């Protein structure tokens, strides 16, 4: 799969097992994610168009993996388990959170990533982004300094991705105060966003149009 993706795209696509991924995150081991993967396979669907994101799913949070991640991986901090399923193929922009995010690949998919330290004057240049392939069944931690957004599909069927985050992340923001430039990027709770100006759904939500350059499409 990785060889094929590199043949049909004009950007380098690496595996998350590659050393280049180390500044973005790590592959998570030591936990059995099979039950939550099985739930996703049996009880969630991929929309006919676009993406579907659900921050918190009670049934998945009732599985044994939930307290293990909350009490061990996140050191006792409250978390949520949800998912993102969809058909995305373009960069679209970036978001980041204050706290690590775990992505568990129910299907194969690609992640477009960047570093928060490459944001300049509330903008990020799309040509600086890197693309990584995540194999089905792999769990990855993305550090809080890692810019990311929706996965990109590698098949016509689309992708399924389990998303673990500090509780409340990506839910409606009650109040927004501007004390420094970064505050202008805040879109939802614990969700700072740089959207491509052409990405109308994000712009309509109030996302800051700071993802500059080509909104590249990834092929498979």
C-alpha atoms as a PDB file:
ATOM      1  CA  UNK A   1       0.000   0.000   0.000  1.00  0.00           C
ATOM      2  CA  UNK A   2       2.731   2.485   0.957  1.00  0.00           C
ATOM      3  CA  UNK A   3       4.606   1.848  -2.287  1.00  0.00           C
ATOM      4  CA  UNK A   4       1.432   2.459  -4.295  1.00  0.00           C
ATOM      5  CA  UNK A   5       0.658   5.713  -2.442  1.00  0.00           C
ATOM      6  CA  UNK A   6       4.113   7.050  -3.234  1.00  0.00           C
ATOM      7  CA  UNK A   7       3.712   6.132  -6.901  1.00  0.00           C
ATOM      8  CA  UNK A   8       0.495   8.119  -7.343  1.00  0.00           C
ATOM      9  CA  UNK A   9       1.327  11.210  -5.261  1.00  0.00           C
ATOM     10  CA  UNK A  10       3.877  13.994  -5.738  1.00  0.00           C
ATOM     11  CA  UNK A  11       4.663  14.237  -2.028  1.00  0.00           C
ATOM     12  CA  UNK A  12       6.616  11.699   0.004  1.00  0.00           C
ATOM     13  CA  UNK A  13       4.423   9.455   2.137  1.00  0.00           C
ATOM     14  CA  UNK A  14       6.091   7.674   5.040  1.00  0.00           C
ATOM     15  CA  UNK A  15       4.900   5.135   7.572  1.00  0.00           C
ATOM     16  CA  UNK A  16       4.321   6.189  11.183  1.00  0.00           C
ATOM     17  CA  UNK A  17       7.014   3.634  11.997  1.00  0.00           C
ATOM     18  CA  UNK A  18       9.541   5.814  10.124  1.00  0.00           C
ATOM     19  CA  UNK A  19      12.013   7.869  12.172  1.00  0.00           C
ATOM     20  CA  UNK A  20      10.553  11.023  10.581  1.00  0.00           C
ATOM     21  CA  UNK A  21       7.402  10.543  12.678  1.00  0.00           C
ATOM     22  CA  UNK A  22       9.248  10.914  15.986  1.00  0.00           C
ATOM     23  CA  UNK A  23       8.769  14.672  16.245  1.00  0.00           C
ATOM     24  CA  UNK A  24       5.027  14.274  15.647  1.00  0.00           C
ATOM     25  CA  UNK A  25       4.203  11.319  17.865  1.00  0.00           C
ATOM     26  CA  UNK A  26       4.718   7.624  18.477  1.00  0.00           C
ATOM     27  CA  UNK A  27       3.091   4.264  17.894  1.00  0.00           C
ATOM     28  CA  UNK A  28       1.198   3.259  21.051  1.00  0.00           C
ATOM     29  CA  UNK A  29       1.808  -0.249  22.369  1.00  0.00           C
ATOM     30  CA  UNK A  30       0.887  -2.081  25.548  1.00  0.00           C
ATOM     31  CA  UNK A  31      -2.893  -1.730  25.195  1.00  0.00           C
ATOM     32  CA  UNK A  32      -5.433  -4.072  23.600  1.00  0.00           C
ATOM     33  CA  UNK A  33      -7.620  -1.970  21.311  1.00  0.00           C
ATOM     34  CA  UNK A  34      -9.448  -4.882  19.651  1.00  0.00           C
ATOM     35  CA  UNK A  35     -12.784  -4.445  21.473  1.00  0.00           C
ATOM     36  CA  UNK A  36     -13.119  -0.792  20.516  1.00  0.00           C
ATOM     37  CA  UNK A  37     -12.042  -1.568  16.928  1.00  0.00           C
ATOM     38  CA  UNK A  38     -14.688  -4.316  16.775  1.00  0.00           C
ATOM     39  CA  UNK A  39     -17.322  -1.865  18.033  1.00  0.00           C
ATOM     40  CA  UNK A  40     -16.416   0.600  15.289  1.00  0.00           C
ATOM     41  CA  UNK A  41     -16.589  -2.092  12.622  1.00  0.00           C
ATOM     42  CA  UNK A  42     -20.008  -3.301  13.777  1.00  0.00           C
ATOM     43  CA  UNK A  43     -21.773  -0.113  14.853  1.00  0.00           C
ATOM     44  CA  UNK A  44     -20.486   2.822  12.796  1.00  0.00           C
ATOM     45  CA  UNK A  45     -20.793   3.685   9.129  1.00  0.00           C
ATOM     46  CA  UNK A  46     -18.871   5.828   6.656  1.00  0.00           C
ATOM     47  CA  UNK A  47     -20.986   8.694   5.283  1.00  0.00           C
ATOM     48  CA  UNK A  48     -21.721   8.801   1.565  1.00  0.00           C
ATOM     49  CA  UNK A  49     -20.050  12.225   1.383  1.00  0.00           C
ATOM     50  CA  UNK A  50     -17.698  14.176   3.608  1.00  0.00           C
ATOM     51  CA  UNK A  51     -16.779  13.256   7.168  1.00  0.00           C
ATOM     52  CA  UNK A  52     -18.638  12.463  10.373  1.00  0.00           C
ATOM     53  CA  UNK A  53     -17.052  13.307  13.752  1.00  0.00           C
ATOM     54  CA  UNK A  54     -18.507  12.276  17.116  1.00  0.00           C
ATOM     55  CA  UNK A  55     -16.391  13.470  20.106  1.00  0.00           C
ATOM     56  CA  UNK A  56     -17.729  11.035  22.700  1.00  0.00           C
ATOM     57  CA  UNK A  57     -19.492   7.668  22.357  1.00  0.00           C
ATOM     58  CA  UNK A  58     -20.888   6.231  25.578  1.00  0.00           C
ATOM     59  CA  UNK A  59     -20.729   2.633  24.376  1.00  0.00           C
ATOM     60  CA  UNK A  60     -17.027   2.871  23.563  1.00  0.00           C
ATOM     61  CA  UNK A  61     -16.356   4.629  26.855  1.00  0.00           C
ATOM     62  CA  UNK A  62     -17.989   1.671  28.575  1.00  0.00           C
ATOM     63  CA  UNK A  63     -15.345  -0.718  27.272  1.00  0.00           C
ATOM     64  CA  UNK A  64     -12.376  -1.877  29.344  1.00  0.00           C
ATOM     65  CA  UNK A  65      -9.926   0.214  27.341  1.00  0.00           C
ATOM     66  CA  UNK A  66     -11.479   3.484  28.587  1.00  0.00           C
ATOM     67  CA  UNK A  67     -10.323   3.373  32.249  1.00  0.00           C
ATOM     68  CA  UNK A  68      -6.972   1.922  31.183  1.00  0.00           C
ATOM     69  CA  UNK A  69      -6.257   4.904  28.930  1.00  0.00           C
ATOM     70  CA  UNK A  70      -7.717   7.438  31.347  1.00  0.00           C
ATOM     71  CA  UNK A  71      -5.867   6.204  34.408  1.00  0.00           C
ATOM     72  CA  UNK A  72      -2.617   5.112  32.769  1.00  0.00           C
ATOM     73  CA  UNK A  73      -1.957   6.836  29.451  1.00  0.00           C
ATOM     74  CA  UNK A  74      -3.525  10.164  30.481  1.00  0.00           C
ATOM     75  CA  UNK A  75      -2.400   9.932  34.110  1.00  0.00           C
ATOM     76  CA  UNK A  76      -5.867  10.126  35.637  1.00  0.00           C
ATOM     77  CA  UNK A  77      -7.102  13.078  33.576  1.00  0.00           C
ATOM     78  CA  UNK A  78     -10.682  12.794  32.201  1.00  0.00           C
ATOM     79  CA  UNK A  79     -10.849  11.722  28.557  1.00  0.00           C
ATOM     80  CA  UNK A  80     -13.326  10.977  25.797  1.00  0.00           C
ATOM     81  CA  UNK A  81     -13.416   8.308  23.094  1.00  0.00           C
ATOM     82  CA  UNK A  82     -15.132   9.133  19.828  1.00  0.00           C
ATOM     83  CA  UNK A  83     -14.529   8.668  16.142  1.00  0.00           C
ATOM     84  CA  UNK A  84     -14.107  10.266  12.750  1.00  0.00           C
ATOM     85  CA  UNK A  85     -15.315   8.361   9.684  1.00  0.00           C
ATOM     86  CA  UNK A  86     -15.260   9.766   6.184  1.00  0.00           C
ATOM     87  CA  UNK A  87     -14.011  10.153   2.652  1.00  0.00           C
ATOM     88  CA  UNK A  88     -11.632  13.086   2.851  1.00  0.00           C
ATOM     89  CA  UNK A  89      -8.769  13.315   0.328  1.00  0.00           C
ATOM     90  CA  UNK A  90      -7.489  16.899   0.774  1.00  0.00           C
ATOM     91  CA  UNK A  91      -5.339  18.742   3.320  1.00  0.00           C
ATOM     92  CA  UNK A  92      -7.983  21.431   4.168  1.00  0.00           C
ATOM     93  CA  UNK A  93      -6.082  22.881   7.123  1.00  0.00           C
ATOM     94  CA  UNK A  94      -4.841  22.053  10.578  1.00  0.00           C
ATOM     95  CA  UNK A  95      -5.985  21.909  14.180  1.00  0.00           C
ATOM     96  CA  UNK A  96      -4.160  21.307  17.438  1.00  0.00           C
ATOM     97  CA  UNK A  97      -5.039  20.681  21.079  1.00  0.00           C
ATOM     98  CA  UNK A  98      -3.436  21.207  24.484  1.00  0.00           C
ATOM     99  CA  UNK A  99      -2.846  17.536  25.263  1.00  0.00           C
ATOM    100  CA  UNK A 100      -2.045  14.434  23.216  1.00  0.00           C
ATOM    101  CA  UNK A 101      -4.520  12.784  20.841  1.00  0.00           C
ATOM    102  CA  UNK A 102      -4.654   9.044  20.186  1.00  0.00           C
ATOM    103  CA  UNK A 103      -5.793   7.865  16.749  1.00  0.00           C
ATOM    104  CA  UNK A 104      -6.619   4.171  16.319  1.00  0.00           C
ATOM    105  CA  UNK A 105      -6.845   3.083  12.691  1.00  0.00           C
ATOM    106  CA  UNK A 106      -9.900   0.882  12.132  1.00  0.00           C
ATOM    107  CA  UNK A 107      -9.002   1.062   8.434  1.00  0.00           C
ATOM    108  CA  UNK A 108      -5.843   2.136   6.668  1.00  0.00           C
ATOM    109  CA  UNK A 109      -5.562   5.909   6.190  1.00  0.00           C
ATOM    110  CA  UNK A 110      -3.116   8.799   5.772  1.00  0.00           C
ATOM    111  CA  UNK A 111      -2.454  11.689   8.164  1.00  0.00           C
ATOM    112  CA  UNK A 112      -1.258  15.133   7.049  1.00  0.00           C
ATOM    113  CA  UNK A 113       0.872  16.614   9.844  1.00  0.00           C
ATOM    114  CA  UNK A 114       2.806  19.724  10.770  1.00  0.00           C
ATOM    115  CA  UNK A 115       4.434  21.352  13.804  1.00  0.00           C
ATOM    116  CA  UNK A 116       2.961  24.196  15.838  1.00  0.00           C
ATOM    117  CA  UNK A 117       6.396  25.857  15.941  1.00  0.00           C
ATOM    118  CA  UNK A 118       6.171  26.386  12.170  1.00  0.00           C
ATOM    119  CA  UNK A 119       3.154  28.676  12.546  1.00  0.00           C
ATOM    120  CA  UNK A 120       4.207  32.229  11.644  1.00  0.00           C
ATOM    121  CA  UNK A 121       1.914  35.204  12.263  1.00  0.00           C
ATOM    122  CA  UNK A 122      -1.108  32.898  12.518  1.00  0.00           C
ATOM    123  CA  UNK A 123      -0.293  31.203   9.194  1.00  0.00           C
ATOM    124  CA  UNK A 124       1.162  27.864   8.107  1.00  0.00           C
ATOM    125  CA  UNK A 125       2.520  27.088   4.635  1.00  0.00           C
ATOM    126  CA  UNK A 126       0.953  23.946   3.167  1.00  0.00           C
ATOM    127  CA  UNK A 127       4.184  22.872   1.447  1.00  0.00           C
ATOM    128  CA  UNK A 128       5.769  22.343   4.881  1.00  0.00           C
ATOM    129  CA  UNK A 129       3.279  19.591   5.814  1.00  0.00           C
ATOM    130  CA  UNK A 130       4.280  15.920   5.825  1.00  0.00           C
ATOM    131  CA  UNK A 131       2.131  12.877   5.101  1.00  0.00           C
ATOM    132  CA  UNK A 132       2.172   9.581   7.011  1.00  0.00           C
ATOM    133  CA  UNK A 133       0.458   6.263   6.358  1.00  0.00           C
ATOM    134  CA  UNK A 134      -1.259   4.528   9.296  1.00  0.00           C
ATOM    135  CA  UNK A 135      -1.914   0.820   8.852  1.00  0.00           C
ATOM    136  CA  UNK A 136      -5.175  -0.749   9.995  1.00  0.00           C
ATOM    137  CA  UNK A 137      -4.993  -1.759  13.672  1.00  0.00           C
ATOM    138  CA  UNK A 138      -2.247   0.758  14.535  1.00  0.00           C
ATOM    139  CA  UNK A 139      -2.664   3.256  17.376  1.00  0.00           C
ATOM    140  CA  UNK A 140      -0.632   6.462  17.346  1.00  0.00           C
ATOM    141  CA  UNK A 141      -0.180   9.241  19.859  1.00  0.00           C
ATOM    142  CA  UNK A 142       0.055  12.706  18.329  1.00  0.00           C
ATOM    143  CA  UNK A 143       1.746  15.201  20.629  1.00  0.00           C
ATOM    144  CA  UNK A 144       0.083  18.501  21.456  1.00  0.00           C
ATOM    145  CA  UNK A 145       2.613  20.289  19.227  1.00  0.00           C
ATOM    146  CA  UNK A 146       1.401  18.276  16.212  1.00  0.00           C
ATOM    147  CA  UNK A 147      -0.859  19.953  13.684  1.00  0.00           C
ATOM    148  CA  UNK A 148      -3.406  17.610  12.127  1.00  0.00           C
ATOM    149  CA  UNK A 149      -6.967  17.403  10.859  1.00  0.00           C
ATOM    150  CA  UNK A 150      -9.116  14.672   9.336  1.00  0.00           C
ATOM    151  CA  UNK A 151      -7.413  11.518   8.017  1.00  0.00           C
ATOM    152  CA  UNK A 152      -7.349  10.978   4.255  1.00  0.00           C
ATOM    153  CA  UNK A 153      -8.747   7.798   2.750  1.00  0.00           C
ATOM    154  CA  UNK A 154      -6.718   5.247   0.813  1.00  0.00           C
ATOM    155  CA  UNK A 155      -9.654   3.312  -0.692  1.00  0.00           C
ATOM    156  CA  UNK A 156     -12.957   4.171  -2.339  1.00  0.00           C
ATOM    157  CA  UNK A 157     -14.750   2.938   0.780  1.00  0.00           C
ATOM    158  CA  UNK A 158     -13.327   5.729   2.979  1.00  0.00           C
ATOM    159  CA  UNK A 159     -11.773   5.560   6.441  1.00  0.00           C
ATOM    160  CA  UNK A 160     -12.667   4.843  10.067  1.00  0.00           C
ATOM    161  CA  UNK A 161     -10.642   6.385  12.877  1.00  0.00           C
ATOM    162  CA  UNK A 162     -11.089   6.148  16.662  1.00  0.00           C
ATOM    163  CA  UNK A 163     -10.172   9.444  18.364  1.00  0.00           C
ATOM    164  CA  UNK A 164      -9.174   9.727  22.044  1.00  0.00           C
ATOM    165  CA  UNK A 165      -8.773  13.205  23.559  1.00  0.00           C
ATOM    166  CA  UNK A 166      -8.972  15.117  26.840  1.00  0.00           C
ATOM    167  CA  UNK A 167     -12.670  15.349  27.770  1.00  0.00           C
ATOM    168  CA  UNK A 168     -14.525  18.297  26.290  1.00  0.00           C
ATOM    169  CA  UNK A 169     -12.207  18.738  23.316  1.00  0.00           C
ATOM    170  CA  UNK A 170     -13.972  19.644  20.051  1.00  0.00           C
ATOM    171  CA  UNK A 171     -17.221  20.589  21.789  1.00  0.00           C
ATOM    172  CA  UNK A 172     -18.935  24.015  21.588  1.00  0.00           C
ATOM    173  CA  UNK A 173     -17.014  26.919  23.052  1.00  0.00           C
ATOM    174  CA  UNK A 174     -18.879  28.850  25.752  1.00  0.00           C
ATOM    175  CA  UNK A 175     -16.705  31.956  25.725  1.00  0.00           C
ATOM    176  CA  UNK A 176     -13.830  33.260  23.632  1.00  0.00           C
ATOM    177  CA  UNK A 177     -11.501  35.931  24.944  1.00  0.00           C
ATOM    178  CA  UNK A 178      -8.706  37.574  22.936  1.00  0.00           C
ATOM    179  CA  UNK A 179      -5.556  38.180  24.977  1.00  0.00           C
ATOM    180  CA  UNK A 180      -2.921  37.118  22.432  1.00  0.00           C
ATOM    181  CA  UNK A 181      -2.728  36.227  18.742  1.00  0.00           C
ATOM    182  CA  UNK A 182      -3.214  32.485  19.324  1.00  0.00           C
ATOM    183  CA  UNK A 183      -6.658  33.141  20.817  1.00  0.00           C
ATOM    184  CA  UNK A 184      -7.912  34.111  17.355  1.00  0.00           C
ATOM    185  CA  UNK A 185      -7.361  30.505  16.214  1.00  0.00           C
ATOM    186  CA  UNK A 186      -9.606  29.039  18.926  1.00  0.00           C
ATOM    187  CA  UNK A 187     -12.730  27.550  17.313  1.00  0.00           C
ATOM    188  CA  UNK A 188     -14.085  25.063  19.866  1.00  0.00           C
ATOM    189  CA  UNK A 189     -13.050  23.867  23.309  1.00  0.00           C
ATOM    190  CA  UNK A 190      -9.363  22.897  23.214  1.00  0.00           C
ATOM    191  CA  UNK A 191      -9.396  23.209  19.415  1.00  0.00           C
ATOM    192  CA  UNK A 192      -7.240  25.781  17.630  1.00  0.00           C
ATOM    193  CA  UNK A 193      -7.712  25.802  13.846  1.00  0.00           C
ATOM    194  CA  UNK A 194      -5.922  27.098  10.742  1.00  0.00           C
ATOM    195  CA  UNK A 195      -8.238  26.516   7.775  1.00  0.00           C
ATOM    196  CA  UNK A 196      -7.506  26.781   4.080  1.00  0.00           C
ATOM    197  CA  UNK A 197      -9.369  29.850   2.750  1.00  0.00           C
ATOM    198  CA  UNK A 198     -11.106  27.666   0.145  1.00  0.00           C
ATOM    199  CA  UNK A 199     -12.397  25.232   2.773  1.00  0.00           C
ATOM    200  CA  UNK A 200     -15.826  26.827   3.073  1.00  0.00           C
ATOM    201  CA  UNK A 201     -17.355  24.466   5.687  1.00  0.00           C
ATOM    202  CA  UNK A 202     -14.570  25.352   8.154  1.00  0.00           C
ATOM    203  CA  UNK A 203     -14.601  29.052   7.310  1.00  0.00           C
ATOM    204  CA  UNK A 204     -18.384  29.190   7.849  1.00  0.00           C
ATOM    205  CA  UNK A 205     -17.848  27.735  11.326  1.00  0.00           C
ATOM    206  CA  UNK A 206     -15.534  30.628  12.099  1.00  0.00           C
ATOM    207  CA  UNK A 207     -12.173  28.932  11.537  1.00  0.00           C
ATOM    208  CA  UNK A 208      -9.232  31.279  11.004  1.00  0.00           C
ATOM    209  CA  UNK A 209      -8.064  31.206   7.315  1.00  0.00           C
ATOM    210  CA  UNK A 210      -4.395  30.687   8.095  1.00  0.00           C
ATOM    211  CA  UNK A 211      -3.491  27.566   6.087  1.00  0.00           C
ATOM    212  CA  UNK A 212      -1.710  29.112   3.107  1.00  0.00           C
ATOM    213  CA  UNK A 213      -0.782  27.576  -0.228  1.00  0.00           C
ATOM    214  CA  UNK A 214      -2.145  24.689  -2.276  1.00  0.00           C
ATOM    215  CA  UNK A 215      -4.909  22.631  -0.698  1.00  0.00           C
ATOM    216  CA  UNK A 216      -3.391  19.425  -2.017  1.00  0.00           C
ATOM    217  CA  UNK A 217      -5.396  16.335  -2.843  1.00  0.00           C
ATOM    218  CA  UNK A 218      -3.947  12.935  -1.982  1.00  0.00           C
ATOM    219  CA  UNK A 219      -4.510  10.040  -4.344  1.00  0.00           C
ATOM    220  CA  UNK A 220      -4.598   6.277  -3.913  1.00  0.00           C
END
